[in-house]
Amino acid sequence: MLKWLHKWSLSARILALLLIGLTVTLAVSYAVFAVGSRARAQEAMVERASALCAVADEAKNHVSLLHRTGAIDGKALGEELKADLATARDGP
């Protein structure tokens, strides 16, 4: 069955076994690295998304506070917007 293997010299057989072992080791190492790398990348994206949501929530809370305290006059801003839109329609 493995008569062709017996035709090789001992050093050739050892070299073949080492190459096969090295190939298998590299393949397994690459697979483990790829899975770990993907998991770390996904973890990093979740952290970034969480940070972005926290910043957006703080901005929302700040603007809400400005509206409650009256720092932003919605009626005046609406009138200013209407005036700007009217002049934009007229053209330059």
PDB file of N, CA and C in Angstrom:
ATOM      1  N   MET A   1       0.810  -1.185   0.000  1.00  0.00           N
ATOM      2  CA  MET A   1       0.000   0.000   0.000  1.00  0.00           C
ATOM      3  C   MET A   1       0.862   1.260   0.000  1.00  0.00           C
ATOM      4  N   LEU A   2       1.843   1.319   0.872  1.00  0.00           N
ATOM      5  CA  LEU A   2       2.744   2.463   0.914  1.00  0.00           C
ATOM      6  C   LEU A   2       4.124   2.087   0.400  1.00  0.00           C
ATOM      7  N   LYS A   3       4.146   1.262  -0.627  1.00  0.00           N
ATOM      8  CA  LYS A   3       5.432   0.813  -1.180  1.00  0.00           C
ATOM      9  C   LYS A   3       6.233   1.980  -1.742  1.00  0.00           C
ATOM     10  N   TRP A   4       5.553   2.956  -2.286  1.00  0.00           N
ATOM     11  CA  TRP A   4       6.265   4.107  -2.851  1.00  0.00           C
ATOM     12  C   TRP A   4       6.988   4.886  -1.760  1.00  0.00           C
ATOM     13  N   LEU A   5       6.442   4.846  -0.514  1.00  0.00           N
ATOM     14  CA  LEU A   5       7.090   5.535   0.592  1.00  0.00           C
ATOM     15  C   LEU A   5       8.377   4.827   1.011  1.00  0.00           C
ATOM     16  N   HIS A   6       8.398   3.507   0.898  1.00  0.00           N
ATOM     17  CA  HIS A   6       9.588   2.744   1.268  1.00  0.00           C
ATOM     18  C   HIS A   6      10.725   2.928   0.265  1.00  0.00           C
ATOM     19  N   LYS A   7      10.392   3.402  -0.914  1.00  0.00           N
ATOM     20  CA  LYS A   7      11.431   3.646  -1.920  1.00  0.00           C
ATOM     21  C   LYS A   7      12.255   4.897  -1.572  1.00  0.00           C
ATOM     22  N   TRP A   8      11.692   5.781  -0.771  1.00  0.00           N
ATOM     23  CA  TRP A   8      12.391   7.012  -0.414  1.00  0.00           C
ATOM     24  C   TRP A   8      13.450   6.724   0.640  1.00  0.00           C
ATOM     25  N   SER A   9      14.432   7.585   0.659  1.00  0.00           N
ATOM     26  CA  SER A   9      15.464   7.443   1.691  1.00  0.00           C
ATOM     27  C   SER A   9      14.911   7.925   3.028  1.00  0.00           C
ATOM     28  N   LEU A  10      15.598   7.611   4.088  1.00  0.00           N
ATOM     29  CA  LEU A  10      15.138   7.999   5.424  1.00  0.00           C
ATOM     30  C   LEU A  10      15.073   9.510   5.566  1.00  0.00           C
ATOM     31  N   SER A  11      16.056  10.221   5.048  1.00  0.00           N
ATOM     32  CA  SER A  11      16.048  11.686   5.146  1.00  0.00           C
ATOM     33  C   SER A  11      14.886  12.288   4.354  1.00  0.00           C
ATOM     34  N   ALA A  12      14.546  11.698   3.222  1.00  0.00           N
ATOM     35  CA  ALA A  12      13.415  12.197   2.431  1.00  0.00           C
ATOM     36  C   ALA A  12      12.099  11.964   3.171  1.00  0.00           C
ATOM     37  N   ARG A  13      11.959  10.817   3.833  1.00  0.00           N
ATOM     38  CA  ARG A  13      10.746  10.534   4.604  1.00  0.00           C
ATOM     39  C   ARG A  13      10.614  11.508   5.774  1.00  0.00           C
ATOM     40  N   ILE A  14      11.724  11.747   6.466  1.00  0.00           N
ATOM     41  CA  ILE A  14      11.702  12.687   7.596  1.00  0.00           C
ATOM     42  C   ILE A  14      11.345  14.091   7.107  1.00  0.00           C
ATOM     43  N   LEU A  15      11.938  14.493   6.008  1.00  0.00           N
ATOM     44  CA  LEU A  15      11.644  15.809   5.445  1.00  0.00           C
ATOM     45  C   LEU A  15      10.176  15.913   5.038  1.00  0.00           C
ATOM     46  N   ALA A  16       9.634  14.876   4.425  1.00  0.00           N
ATOM     47  CA  ALA A  16       8.225  14.884   4.018  1.00  0.00           C
ATOM     48  C   ALA A  16       7.323  14.991   5.240  1.00  0.00           C
ATOM     49  N   LEU A  17       7.617  14.233   6.289  1.00  0.00           N
ATOM     50  CA  LEU A  17       6.816  14.305   7.506  1.00  0.00           C
ATOM     51  C   LEU A  17       6.902  15.687   8.150  1.00  0.00           C
ATOM     52  N   LEU A  18       8.081  16.287   8.157  1.00  0.00           N
ATOM     53  CA  LEU A  18       8.235  17.629   8.708  1.00  0.00           C
ATOM     54  C   LEU A  18       7.438  18.659   7.903  1.00  0.00           C
ATOM     55  N   LEU A  19       7.477  18.536   6.584  1.00  0.00           N
ATOM     56  CA  LEU A  19       6.720  19.473   5.745  1.00  0.00           C
ATOM     57  C   LEU A  19       5.223  19.315   5.951  1.00  0.00           C
ATOM     58  N   ILE A  20       4.769  18.076   6.058  1.00  0.00           N
ATOM     59  CA  ILE A  20       3.340  17.842   6.306  1.00  0.00           C
ATOM     60  C   ILE A  20       2.952  18.412   7.671  1.00  0.00           C
ATOM     61  N   GLY A  21       3.772  18.157   8.679  1.00  0.00           N
ATOM     62  CA  GLY A  21       3.492  18.687  10.019  1.00  0.00           C
ATOM     63  C   GLY A  21       3.482  20.197  10.041  1.00  0.00           C
ATOM     64  N   LEU A  22       4.430  20.806   9.340  1.00  0.00           N
ATOM     65  CA  LEU A  22       4.493  22.261   9.277  1.00  0.00           C
ATOM     66  C   LEU A  22       3.259  22.827   8.580  1.00  0.00           C
ATOM     67  N   THR A  23       2.854  22.190   7.497  1.00  0.00           N
ATOM     68  CA  THR A  23       1.672  22.649   6.758  1.00  0.00           C
ATOM     69  C   THR A  23       0.421  22.572   7.627  1.00  0.00           C
ATOM     70  N   VAL A  24       0.261  21.467   8.331  1.00  0.00           N
ATOM     71  CA  VAL A  24      -0.905  21.305   9.204  1.00  0.00           C
ATOM     72  C   VAL A  24      -0.867  22.333  10.336  1.00  0.00           C
ATOM     73  N   THR A  25       0.299  22.537  10.917  1.00  0.00           N
ATOM     74  CA  THR A  25       0.430  23.513  12.007  1.00  0.00           C
ATOM     75  C   THR A  25       0.107  24.921  11.524  1.00  0.00           C
ATOM     76  N   LEU A  26       0.603  25.286  10.358  1.00  0.00           N
ATOM     77  CA  LEU A  26       0.313  26.615   9.818  1.00  0.00           C
ATOM     78  C   LEU A  26      -1.173  26.786   9.516  1.00  0.00           C
ATOM     79  N   ALA A  27      -1.802  25.752   8.981  1.00  0.00           N
ATOM     80  CA  ALA A  27      -3.232  25.831   8.660  1.00  0.00           C
ATOM     81  C   ALA A  27      -4.067  26.004   9.929  1.00  0.00           C
ATOM     82  N   VAL A  28      -3.744  25.255  10.951  1.00  0.00           N
ATOM     83  CA  VAL A  28      -4.489  25.365  12.208  1.00  0.00           C
ATOM     84  C   VAL A  28      -4.240  26.729  12.851  1.00  0.00           C
ATOM     85  N   SER A  29      -3.009  27.189  12.843  1.00  0.00           N
ATOM     86  CA  SER A  29      -2.691  28.497  13.425  1.00  0.00           C
ATOM     87  C   SER A  29      -3.421  29.622  12.696  1.00  0.00           C
ATOM     88  N   TYR A  30      -3.463  29.539  11.382  1.00  0.00           N
ATOM     89  CA  TYR A  30      -4.166  30.552  10.600  1.00  0.00           C
ATOM     90  C   TYR A  30      -5.657  30.548  10.930  1.00  0.00           C
ATOM     91  N   ALA A  31      -6.244  29.369  11.042  1.00  0.00           N
ATOM     92  CA  ALA A  31      -7.673  29.279  11.359  1.00  0.00           C
ATOM     93  C   ALA A  31      -7.962  29.880  12.728  1.00  0.00           C
ATOM     94  N   VAL A  32      -7.147  29.572  13.703  1.00  0.00           N
ATOM     95  CA  VAL A  32      -7.337  30.120  15.054  1.00  0.00           C
ATOM     96  C   VAL A  32      -7.155  31.636  15.029  1.00  0.00           C
ATOM     97  N   PHE A  33      -6.162  32.122  14.321  1.00  0.00           N
ATOM     98  CA  PHE A  33      -5.921  33.560  14.233  1.00  0.00           C
ATOM     99  C   PHE A  33      -7.086  34.269  13.550  1.00  0.00           C
ATOM    100  N   ALA A  34      -7.603  33.689  12.472  1.00  0.00           N
ATOM    101  CA  ALA A  34      -8.701  34.317  11.732  1.00  0.00           C
ATOM    102  C   ALA A  34      -9.950  34.421  12.609  1.00  0.00           C
ATOM    103  N   VAL A  35     -10.265  33.375  13.341  1.00  0.00           N
ATOM    104  CA  VAL A  35     -11.444  33.401  14.209  1.00  0.00           C
ATOM    105  C   VAL A  35     -11.252  34.427  15.327  1.00  0.00           C
ATOM    106  N   GLY A  36     -10.077  34.448  15.941  1.00  0.00           N
ATOM    107  CA  GLY A  36      -9.810  35.408  17.011  1.00  0.00           C
ATOM    108  C   GLY A  36      -9.814  36.833  16.513  1.00  0.00           C
ATOM    109  N   SER A  37      -9.260  37.045  15.346  1.00  0.00           N
ATOM    110  CA  SER A  37      -9.206  38.385  14.775  1.00  0.00           C
ATOM    111  C   SER A  37     -10.607  38.901  14.479  1.00  0.00           C
ATOM    112  N   ARG A  38     -11.450  38.050  13.963  1.00  0.00           N
ATOM    113  CA  ARG A  38     -12.828  38.448  13.660  1.00  0.00           C
ATOM    114  C   ARG A  38     -13.573  38.812  14.949  1.00  0.00           C
ATOM    115  N   ALA A  39     -13.374  38.018  15.989  1.00  0.00           N
ATOM    116  CA  ALA A  39     -14.039  38.289  17.264  1.00  0.00           C
ATOM    117  C   ALA A  39     -13.565  39.619  17.852  1.00  0.00           C
ATOM    118  N   ARG A  40     -12.267  39.897  17.778  1.00  0.00           N
ATOM    119  CA  ARG A  40     -11.744  41.161  18.301  1.00  0.00           C
ATOM    120  C   ARG A  40     -12.253  42.351  17.495  1.00  0.00           C
ATOM    121  N   ALA A  41     -12.353  42.201  16.185  1.00  0.00           N
ATOM    122  CA  ALA A  41     -12.864  43.284  15.345  1.00  0.00           C
ATOM    123  C   ALA A  41     -14.332  43.563  15.666  1.00  0.00           C
ATOM    124  N   GLN A  42     -15.096  42.516  15.861  1.00  0.00           N
ATOM    125  CA  GLN A  42     -16.507  42.690  16.190  1.00  0.00           C
ATOM    126  C   GLN A  42     -16.649  43.355  17.561  1.00  0.00           C
ATOM    127  N   GLU A  43     -15.834  42.973  18.499  1.00  0.00           N
ATOM    128  CA  GLU A  43     -15.845  43.583  19.827  1.00  0.00           C
ATOM    129  C   GLU A  43     -15.521  45.075  19.737  1.00  0.00           C
ATOM    130  N   ALA A  44     -14.537  45.428  18.925  1.00  0.00           N
ATOM    131  CA  ALA A  44     -14.149  46.833  18.760  1.00  0.00           C
ATOM    132  C   ALA A  44     -15.288  47.641  18.127  1.00  0.00           C
ATOM    133  N   MET A  45     -15.980  47.070  17.155  1.00  0.00           N
ATOM    134  CA  MET A  45     -17.094  47.782  16.528  1.00  0.00           C
ATOM    135  C   MET A  45     -18.237  47.997  17.513  1.00  0.00           C
ATOM    136  N   VAL A  46     -18.496  47.016  18.363  1.00  0.00           N
ATOM    137  CA  VAL A  46     -19.542  47.161  19.369  1.00  0.00           C
ATOM    138  C   VAL A  46     -19.172  48.262  20.356  1.00  0.00           C
ATOM    139  N   GLU A  47     -17.908  48.326  20.757  1.00  0.00           N
ATOM    140  CA  GLU A  47     -17.464  49.381  21.660  1.00  0.00           C
ATOM    141  C   GLU A  47     -17.616  50.760  21.031  1.00  0.00           C
ATOM    142  N   ARG A  48     -17.250  50.875  19.757  1.00  0.00           N
ATOM    143  CA  ARG A  48     -17.388  52.171  19.069  1.00  0.00           C
ATOM    144  C   ARG A  48     -18.848  52.579  18.948  1.00  0.00           C
ATOM    145  N   ALA A  49     -19.709  51.623  18.613  1.00  0.00           N
ATOM    146  CA  ALA A  49     -21.130  51.924  18.498  1.00  0.00           C
ATOM    147  C   ALA A  49     -21.702  52.354  19.845  1.00  0.00           C
ATOM    148  N   SER A  50     -21.264  51.700  20.891  1.00  0.00           N
ATOM    149  CA  SER A  50     -21.727  52.053  22.233  1.00  0.00           C
ATOM    150  C   SER A  50     -21.282  53.466  22.601  1.00  0.00           C
ATOM    151  N   ALA A  51     -20.056  53.799  22.287  1.00  0.00           N
ATOM    152  CA  ALA A  51     -19.555  55.147  22.575  1.00  0.00           C
ATOM    153  C   ALA A  51     -20.315  56.199  21.774  1.00  0.00           C
ATOM    154  N   LEU A  52     -20.600  55.902  20.508  1.00  0.00           N
ATOM    155  CA  LEU A  52     -21.339  56.843  19.672  1.00  0.00           C
ATOM    156  C   LEU A  52     -22.751  57.052  20.209  1.00  0.00           C
ATOM    157  N   CYS A  53     -23.392  55.984  20.658  1.00  0.00           N
ATOM    158  CA  CYS A  53     -24.729  56.106  21.240  1.00  0.00           C
ATOM    159  C   CYS A  53     -24.699  56.938  22.507  1.00  0.00           C
ATOM    160  N   ALA A  54     -23.659  56.772  23.313  1.00  0.00           N
ATOM    161  CA  ALA A  54     -23.540  57.548  24.543  1.00  0.00           C
ATOM    162  C   ALA A  54     -23.375  59.032  24.226  1.00  0.00           C
ATOM    163  N   VAL A  55     -22.583  59.359  23.224  1.00  0.00           N
ATOM    164  CA  VAL A  55     -22.390  60.762  22.839  1.00  0.00           C
ATOM    165  C   VAL A  55     -23.688  61.346  22.303  1.00  0.00           C
ATOM    166  N   ALA A  56     -24.394  60.595  21.477  1.00  0.00           N
ATOM    167  CA  ALA A  56     -25.664  61.077  20.929  1.00  0.00           C
ATOM    168  C   ALA A  56     -26.688  61.295  22.040  1.00  0.00           C
ATOM    169  N   ASP A  57     -26.714  60.405  23.012  1.00  0.00           N
ATOM    170  CA  ASP A  57     -27.648  60.539  24.127  1.00  0.00           C
ATOM    171  C   ASP A  57     -27.330  61.783  24.956  1.00  0.00           C
ATOM    172  N   GLU A  58     -26.051  62.044  25.183  1.00  0.00           N
ATOM    173  CA  GLU A  58     -25.662  63.244  25.929  1.00  0.00           C
ATOM    174  C   GLU A  58     -26.027  64.513  25.164  1.00  0.00           C
ATOM    175  N   ALA A  59     -25.856  64.496  23.846  1.00  0.00           N
ATOM    176  CA  ALA A  59     -26.230  65.666  23.034  1.00  0.00           C
ATOM    177  C   ALA A  59     -27.740  65.899  23.118  1.00  0.00           C
ATOM    178  N   LYS A  60     -28.509  64.824  23.046  1.00  0.00           N
ATOM    179  CA  LYS A  60     -29.966  64.932  23.163  1.00  0.00           C
ATOM    180  C   LYS A  60     -30.352  65.505  24.516  1.00  0.00           C
ATOM    181  N   ASN A  61     -29.725  65.017  25.575  1.00  0.00           N
ATOM    182  CA  ASN A  61     -30.028  65.521  26.920  1.00  0.00           C
ATOM    183  C   ASN A  61     -29.666  66.993  27.060  1.00  0.00           C
ATOM    184  N   HIS A  62     -28.557  67.398  26.463  1.00  0.00           N
ATOM    185  CA  HIS A  62     -28.123  68.792  26.545  1.00  0.00           C
ATOM    186  C   HIS A  62     -29.106  69.717  25.815  1.00  0.00           C
ATOM    187  N   VAL A  63     -29.512  69.330  24.625  1.00  0.00           N
ATOM    188  CA  VAL A  63     -30.456  70.157  23.865  1.00  0.00           C
ATOM    189  C   VAL A  63     -31.804  70.194  24.582  1.00  0.00           C
ATOM    190  N   SER A  64     -32.201  69.088  25.175  1.00  0.00           N
ATOM    191  CA  SER A  64     -33.442  69.056  25.944  1.00  0.00           C
ATOM    192  C   SER A  64     -33.372  70.034  27.119  1.00  0.00           C
ATOM    193  N   LEU A  65     -32.240  70.057  27.779  1.00  0.00           N
ATOM    194  CA  LEU A  65     -32.039  70.990  28.890  1.00  0.00           C
ATOM    195  C   LEU A  65     -32.107  72.438  28.397  1.00  0.00           C
ATOM    196  N   LEU A  66     -31.498  72.704  27.249  1.00  0.00           N
ATOM    197  CA  LEU A  66     -31.541  74.062  26.691  1.00  0.00           C
ATOM    198  C   LEU A  66     -32.981  74.478  26.389  1.00  0.00           C
ATOM    199  N   HIS A  67     -33.791  73.557  25.871  1.00  0.00           N
ATOM    200  CA  HIS A  67     -35.196  73.874  25.586  1.00  0.00           C
ATOM    201  C   HIS A  67     -35.975  74.105  26.883  1.00  0.00           C
ATOM    202  N   ARG A  68     -35.737  73.278  27.894  1.00  0.00           N
ATOM    203  CA  ARG A  68     -36.455  73.422  29.164  1.00  0.00           C
ATOM    204  C   ARG A  68     -36.124  74.728  29.871  1.00  0.00           C
ATOM    205  N   THR A  69     -34.874  75.136  29.796  1.00  0.00           N
ATOM    206  CA  THR A  69     -34.473  76.368  30.485  1.00  0.00           C
ATOM    207  C   THR A  69     -34.789  77.618  29.670  1.00  0.00           C
ATOM    208  N   GLY A  70     -35.227  77.437  28.449  1.00  0.00           N
ATOM    209  CA  GLY A  70     -35.577  78.581  27.614  1.00  0.00           C
ATOM    210  C   GLY A  70     -34.395  79.208  26.912  1.00  0.00           C
ATOM    211  N   ALA A  71     -33.271  78.528  26.885  1.00  0.00           N
ATOM    212  CA  ALA A  71     -32.091  79.072  26.222  1.00  0.00           C
ATOM    213  C   ALA A  71     -32.271  79.089  24.707  1.00  0.00           C
ATOM    214  N   ILE A  72     -33.149  78.234  24.211  1.00  0.00           N
ATOM    215  CA  ILE A  72     -33.434  78.191  22.772  1.00  0.00           C
ATOM    216  C   ILE A  72     -34.862  78.675  22.578  1.00  0.00           C
ATOM    217  N   ASP A  73     -35.034  79.724  21.778  1.00  0.00           N
ATOM    218  CA  ASP A  73     -36.364  80.267  21.497  1.00  0.00           C
ATOM    219  C   ASP A  73     -36.839  79.676  20.176  1.00  0.00           C
ATOM    220  N   GLY A  74     -37.692  78.675  20.267  1.00  0.00           N
ATOM    221  CA  GLY A  74     -38.163  77.972  19.076  1.00  0.00           C
ATOM    222  C   GLY A  74     -38.957  78.849  18.136  1.00  0.00           C
ATOM    223  N   LYS A  75     -39.785  79.737  18.689  1.00  0.00           N
ATOM    224  CA  LYS A  75     -40.602  80.608  17.842  1.00  0.00           C
ATOM    225  C   LYS A  75     -39.728  81.563  17.041  1.00  0.00           C
ATOM    226  N   ALA A  76     -38.718  82.142  17.686  1.00  0.00           N
ATOM    227  CA  ALA A  76     -37.823  83.070  16.995  1.00  0.00           C
ATOM    228  C   ALA A  76     -37.025  82.349  15.914  1.00  0.00           C
ATOM    229  N   LEU A  77     -36.586  81.125  16.230  1.00  0.00           N
ATOM    230  CA  LEU A  77     -35.855  80.355  15.230  1.00  0.00           C
ATOM    231  C   LEU A  77     -36.751  79.995  14.045  1.00  0.00           C
ATOM    232  N   GLY A  78     -38.013  79.679  14.310  1.00  0.00           N
ATOM    233  CA  GLY A  78     -38.960  79.380  13.235  1.00  0.00           C
ATOM    234  C   GLY A  78     -39.190  80.572  12.329  1.00  0.00           C
ATOM    235  N   GLU A  79     -39.341  81.743  12.934  1.00  0.00           N
ATOM    236  CA  GLU A  79     -39.525  82.960  12.139  1.00  0.00           C
ATOM    237  C   GLU A  79     -38.285  83.259  11.289  1.00  0.00           C
ATOM    238  N   GLU A  80     -37.115  83.057  11.882  1.00  0.00           N
ATOM    239  CA  GLU A  80     -35.867  83.284  11.138  1.00  0.00           C
ATOM    240  C   GLU A  80     -35.758  82.316   9.963  1.00  0.00           C
ATOM    241  N   LEU A  81     -36.164  81.072  10.181  1.00  0.00           N
ATOM    242  CA  LEU A  81     -36.133  80.080   9.105  1.00  0.00           C
ATOM    243  C   LEU A  81     -37.087  80.469   7.983  1.00  0.00           C
ATOM    244  N   LYS A  82     -38.277  80.909   8.346  1.00  0.00           N
ATOM    245  CA  LYS A  82     -39.239  81.320   7.322  1.00  0.00           C
ATOM    246  C   LYS A  82     -38.699  82.483   6.494  1.00  0.00           C
ATOM    247  N   ALA A  83     -38.065  83.445   7.171  1.00  0.00           N
ATOM    248  CA  ALA A  83     -37.499  84.590   6.468  1.00  0.00           C
ATOM    249  C   ALA A  83     -36.374  84.153   5.525  1.00  0.00           C
ATOM    250  N   ASP A  84     -35.528  83.251   6.008  1.00  0.00           N
ATOM    251  CA  ASP A  84     -34.425  82.761   5.164  1.00  0.00           C
ATOM    252  C   ASP A  84     -34.958  81.988   3.957  1.00  0.00           C
ATOM    253  N   LEU A  85     -35.983  81.170   4.171  1.00  0.00           N
ATOM    254  CA  LEU A  85     -36.566  80.425   3.048  1.00  0.00           C
ATOM    255  C   LEU A  85     -37.217  81.354   2.035  1.00  0.00           C
ATOM    256  N   ALA A  86     -37.836  82.402   2.525  1.00  0.00           N
ATOM    257  CA  ALA A  86     -38.492  83.362   1.617  1.00  0.00           C
ATOM    258  C   ALA A  86     -37.439  84.073   0.763  1.00  0.00           C
ATOM    259  N   THR A  87     -36.320  84.449   1.341  1.00  0.00           N
ATOM    260  CA  THR A  87     -35.305  85.126   0.558  1.00  0.00           C
ATOM    261  C   THR A  87     -34.601  84.141  -0.386  1.00  0.00           C
ATOM    262  N   ALA A  88     -34.525  82.893   0.007  1.00  0.00           N
ATOM    263  CA  ALA A  88     -33.881  81.896  -0.867  1.00  0.00           C
ATOM    264  C   ALA A  88     -34.753  81.611  -2.087  1.00  0.00           C
ATOM    265  N   ARG A  89     -36.068  81.640  -1.917  1.00  0.00           N
ATOM    266  CA  ARG A  89     -36.962  81.399  -3.052  1.00  0.00           C
ATOM    267  C   ARG A  89     -36.902  82.531  -4.054  1.00  0.00           C
ATOM    268  N   ASP A  90     -36.708  83.746  -3.551  1.00  0.00           N
ATOM    269  CA  ASP A  90     -36.636  84.910  -4.432  1.00  0.00           C
ATOM    270  C   ASP A  90     -35.410  84.862  -5.312  1.00  0.00           C
ATOM    271  N   GLY A  91     -34.385  84.195  -4.826  1.00  0.00           N
ATOM    272  CA  GLY A  91     -33.163  84.059  -5.607  1.00  0.00           C
ATOM    273  C   GLY A  91     -32.206  85.215  -5.354  1.00  0.00           C
ATOM    274  N   PRO A  92     -30.969  85.032  -5.691  1.00  0.00           N
ATOM    275  CA  PRO A  92     -29.958  86.085  -5.480  1.00  0.00           C
ATOM    276  C   PRO A  92     -30.044  87.186  -6.503  1.00  0.00           C
TER     277      PRO A  92
END
